[in-house]
Amino acid sequence: MSLFKNKKNISKDELKQRKKELEEVNTRKVRIKGNRKKQEKLIDLEYERLSKMKENIFYFEASKTEVSIDKEFVRIVRKGISNKLTLGSSGEKAILISSITSIQLKKPKLSAGYIQFNLAGNFNSQGVLGATQDENSILFVVDEMDIALKIQSVIEQRLTEKQKTPEQISATDEIRKYKELLNDGIITEVEFEKKKNSLLNS
């Protein structure tokens, strides 16, 4: 959806204002150059990218790869002939978040960077060259670093949530519950004593 919808010609001042607003909400520097029409399109694309990131849908333009994250899975969809040639497949790969043992993030410098999902029992390739052929890795360029960091943050948060377990109920709390059941006449004194002894001896 265009932010400039229903406007045939926008003023230079309005375009400058939209650029300024975008810079305030964006975490990365976006080069918005060209004629007005091109600038409008670039601003619209950047706002669309930001709204998708809020829904945990990320797109790496450099590697033609979309990553979406829900409560259970990381889904990687690769497009383009280069992905087909280097990885031998295109389409969707779903990785169960609970099977991710670690996330390796290499910042781009002279070469591309990558984010790699390490899974239990898998051999993980090292370096950018290995990442180009690893189906659990995604290559990215400097301008896409914010996307990689956001993905890392979301997955680490999901993994932390999964590791939290409900507090174990102490034997004393259990005995109190059974005492209430006894007082309400739901269980007998014999049943209460049996449960109490069982809990105290375990």
Protein backbone atom coordinates (compact mmCIF):
# COMPACT_ATOMS: atom_id res chain seq x y z
CA MET A 1 0.00 0.00 0.00
CA SER A 2 1.47 3.31 -1.03
CA LEU A 3 1.81 6.02 1.56
CA PHE A 4 1.39 8.50 -1.28
CA LYS A 5 -1.87 7.00 -2.54
CA ASN A 6 -4.36 9.33 -4.20
CA LYS A 7 -1.69 11.96 -4.83
CA LYS A 8 -0.60 12.70 -8.34
CA ASN A 9 2.24 15.06 -7.49
CA ILE A 10 3.70 15.46 -4.06
CA SER A 11 5.72 18.46 -3.08
CA LYS A 12 9.43 18.42 -2.33
CA ASP A 13 8.63 19.45 1.24
CA GLU A 14 6.27 16.52 1.73
CA LEU A 15 8.87 14.12 0.34
CA LYS A 16 11.50 15.55 2.71
CA GLN A 17 9.07 15.14 5.61
CA ARG A 18 8.44 11.46 4.75
CA LYS A 19 12.21 10.85 4.53
CA LYS A 20 12.69 12.48 7.93
CA GLU A 21 9.90 10.39 9.49
CA LEU A 22 11.41 7.23 8.02
CA GLU A 23 14.84 8.06 9.45
CA GLU A 24 13.29 8.46 12.91
CA VAL A 25 11.69 5.00 12.97
CA ASN A 26 14.29 3.08 10.99
CA THR A 27 17.35 1.40 12.50
CA ARG A 28 19.33 1.38 9.29
CA LYS A 29 20.48 4.06 6.91
CA VAL A 30 18.47 3.95 3.70
CA ARG A 31 19.73 5.58 0.53
CA ILE A 32 16.74 7.31 -0.99
CA LYS A 33 17.86 8.90 -4.23
CA GLY A 34 16.53 9.42 -7.71
CA ASN A 35 13.52 11.21 -9.07
CA ARG A 36 10.45 11.79 -6.93
CA LYS A 37 8.64 8.69 -8.19
CA LYS A 38 11.62 6.49 -7.34
CA GLN A 39 11.98 8.09 -3.92
CA GLU A 40 8.28 7.51 -3.18
CA LYS A 41 8.67 3.85 -4.12
CA LEU A 42 11.78 3.41 -1.95
CA ILE A 43 10.06 5.00 1.04
CA ASP A 44 7.00 2.77 0.56
CA LEU A 45 9.19 -0.35 0.32
CA GLU A 46 11.06 0.58 3.48
CA TYR A 47 7.83 1.14 5.43
CA GLU A 48 6.54 -2.22 4.17
CA ARG A 49 9.77 -3.89 5.31
CA LEU A 50 9.43 -2.34 8.76
CA SER A 51 5.79 -3.42 9.13
CA LYS A 52 6.66 -7.01 8.16
CA MET A 53 9.50 -7.03 10.71
CA LYS A 54 6.92 -6.26 13.40
CA GLU A 55 5.14 -9.48 12.35
CA ASN A 56 8.47 -11.41 12.43
CA ILE A 57 8.71 -11.69 8.65
CA PHE A 58 12.13 -10.73 7.33
CA TYR A 59 13.48 -10.46 3.80
CA PHE A 60 17.15 -10.50 2.81
CA GLU A 61 17.37 -8.87 -0.60
CA ALA A 62 21.03 -9.85 -1.12
CA SER A 63 20.36 -13.58 -0.80
CA LYS A 64 16.72 -13.53 -1.97
CA THR A 65 15.67 -15.22 1.25
CA GLU A 66 12.59 -14.72 3.42
CA VAL A 67 12.61 -15.78 7.06
CA SER A 68 9.45 -15.94 9.14
CA ILE A 69 9.28 -16.86 12.81
CA ASP A 70 6.22 -18.11 14.67
CA LYS A 71 5.94 -19.68 18.13
CA GLU A 72 7.27 -23.08 17.04
CA PHE A 73 9.19 -22.71 13.77
CA VAL A 74 11.70 -20.65 11.83
CA ARG A 75 10.67 -20.87 8.17
CA ILE A 76 13.21 -20.10 5.46
CA VAL A 77 12.04 -19.55 1.88
CA ARG A 78 14.75 -19.11 -0.74
CA LYS A 79 14.07 -17.69 -4.15
CA GLY A 80 16.12 -17.27 -7.28
CA ILE A 81 18.37 -19.34 -9.45
CA SER A 82 21.51 -18.69 -7.38
CA ASN A 83 19.93 -20.36 -4.33
CA LYS A 84 18.87 -23.30 -6.48
CA LEU A 85 22.42 -23.69 -7.81
CA THR A 86 24.30 -23.29 -4.51
CA LEU A 87 21.91 -25.16 -2.21
CA GLY A 88 20.35 -27.50 -4.73
CA SER A 89 16.86 -26.61 -3.62
CA SER A 90 14.38 -23.85 -3.33
CA GLY A 91 11.15 -23.76 -1.43
CA GLU A 92 10.51 -23.70 2.29
CA LYS A 93 12.58 -25.16 5.08
CA ALA A 94 11.04 -25.27 8.55
CA ILE A 95 13.30 -25.51 11.58
CA LEU A 96 11.75 -26.37 14.94
CA ILE A 97 12.88 -23.60 17.29
CA SER A 98 13.38 -26.02 20.18
CA SER A 99 15.91 -27.96 18.05
CA ILE A 100 18.17 -24.90 17.63
CA THR A 101 21.17 -25.27 19.93
CA SER A 102 22.85 -21.98 19.02
CA ILE A 103 22.83 -19.09 16.57
CA GLN A 104 26.05 -17.94 14.97
CA LEU A 105 26.08 -14.39 13.62
CA LYS A 106 29.01 -13.15 11.57
CA LYS A 107 28.93 -9.44 10.83
CA PRO A 108 29.69 -8.46 7.25
CA LYS A 109 32.98 -6.69 6.64
CA LEU A 110 34.89 -7.23 3.43
CA SER A 111 32.67 -10.18 2.57
CA ALA A 112 29.03 -10.94 3.28
CA GLY A 113 27.90 -11.78 6.77
CA TYR A 114 25.75 -14.73 7.74
CA ILE A 115 23.38 -15.97 10.39
CA GLN A 116 23.54 -19.72 10.99
CA PHE A 117 21.15 -21.89 12.97
CA ASN A 118 23.03 -24.74 14.63
CA LEU A 119 21.00 -27.86 15.30
CA ALA A 120 21.71 -30.79 17.60
CA GLY A 121 23.50 -33.56 15.74
CA ASN A 122 24.26 -31.48 12.62
CA PHE A 123 27.68 -30.64 11.28
CA ASN A 124 27.85 -26.88 10.96
CA SER A 125 30.00 -25.37 8.25
CA GLN A 126 32.41 -22.60 9.15
CA GLY A 127 32.99 -19.29 7.43
CA VAL A 128 31.23 -17.47 4.64
CA LEU A 129 32.17 -20.07 2.02
CA GLY A 130 30.62 -22.82 4.13
CA ALA A 131 27.55 -20.67 4.82
CA THR A 132 26.88 -20.30 1.08
CA GLN A 133 26.28 -24.04 0.90
CA ASP A 134 24.60 -24.54 4.27
CA GLU A 135 20.81 -24.74 4.18
CA ASN A 136 20.67 -23.52 7.80
CA SER A 137 22.57 -20.30 7.00
CA ILE A 138 21.50 -17.03 5.43
CA LEU A 139 23.93 -14.60 3.84
CA PHE A 140 23.41 -10.87 4.19
CA VAL A 141 25.10 -7.55 3.47
CA VAL A 142 25.89 -4.59 5.76
CA ASP A 143 22.55 -2.87 5.08
CA GLU A 144 20.73 -6.01 6.32
CA MET A 145 22.56 -6.29 9.66
CA ASP A 146 19.50 -4.94 11.52
CA ILE A 147 17.41 -7.79 10.13
CA ALA A 148 19.91 -10.43 11.25
CA LEU A 149 20.13 -8.94 14.74
CA LYS A 150 16.32 -8.86 15.03
CA ILE A 151 16.07 -12.53 13.95
CA GLN A 152 18.72 -13.51 16.49
CA SER A 153 16.87 -11.60 19.22
CA VAL A 154 13.45 -13.10 18.42
CA ILE A 155 14.77 -16.68 18.32
CA GLU A 156 16.78 -16.29 21.53
CA GLN A 157 13.65 -14.92 23.20
CA ARG A 158 11.60 -17.92 21.97
CA LEU A 159 14.27 -20.35 23.21
CA THR A 160 14.34 -18.66 26.62
CA GLU A 161 10.55 -18.88 26.87
CA LYS A 162 10.68 -22.60 26.07
CA GLN A 163 13.25 -23.26 28.79
CA LYS A 164 11.13 -21.69 31.51
CA THR A 165 9.21 -24.39 33.35
CA PRO A 166 6.43 -23.90 35.86
CA GLU A 167 7.65 -23.82 39.44
CA GLN A 168 7.62 -27.19 41.05
CA ILE A 169 4.97 -27.52 43.70
CA SER A 170 6.48 -28.30 47.07
CA ALA A 171 5.31 -31.23 49.17
CA THR A 172 3.93 -28.79 51.75
CA ASP A 173 1.76 -27.09 49.12
CA GLU A 174 0.48 -30.46 47.94
CA ILE A 175 -0.38 -31.48 51.52
CA ARG A 176 -2.29 -28.19 51.97
CA LYS A 177 -4.32 -28.94 48.85
CA TYR A 178 -5.16 -32.41 50.10
CA LYS A 179 -6.08 -30.95 53.52
CA GLU A 180 -8.57 -28.64 51.77
CA LEU A 181 -10.03 -31.64 49.96
CA LEU A 182 -10.33 -33.42 53.32
CA ASN A 183 -12.01 -30.38 54.93
CA ASP A 184 -14.45 -30.16 52.00
CA GLY A 185 -15.31 -33.83 52.46
CA ILE A 186 -14.02 -34.81 49.02
CA ILE A 187 -11.47 -37.29 50.39
CA THR A 188 -11.43 -39.36 53.59
CA GLU A 189 -9.01 -39.06 56.53
CA VAL A 190 -7.39 -42.36 55.45
CA GLU A 191 -6.84 -41.08 51.90
CA PHE A 192 -5.41 -37.81 53.26
CA GLU A 193 -2.95 -39.59 55.58
CA LYS A 194 -1.89 -41.94 52.79
CA LYS A 195 -1.18 -39.01 50.41
CA LYS A 196 0.56 -37.02 53.17
CA ASN A 197 2.89 -39.91 54.03
CA SER A 198 3.57 -40.54 50.34
CA LEU A 199 4.54 -36.87 49.78
CA LEU A 200 6.69 -36.64 52.89
CA ASN A 201 8.58 -39.83 52.03
CA SER A 202 9.27 -38.94 48.37
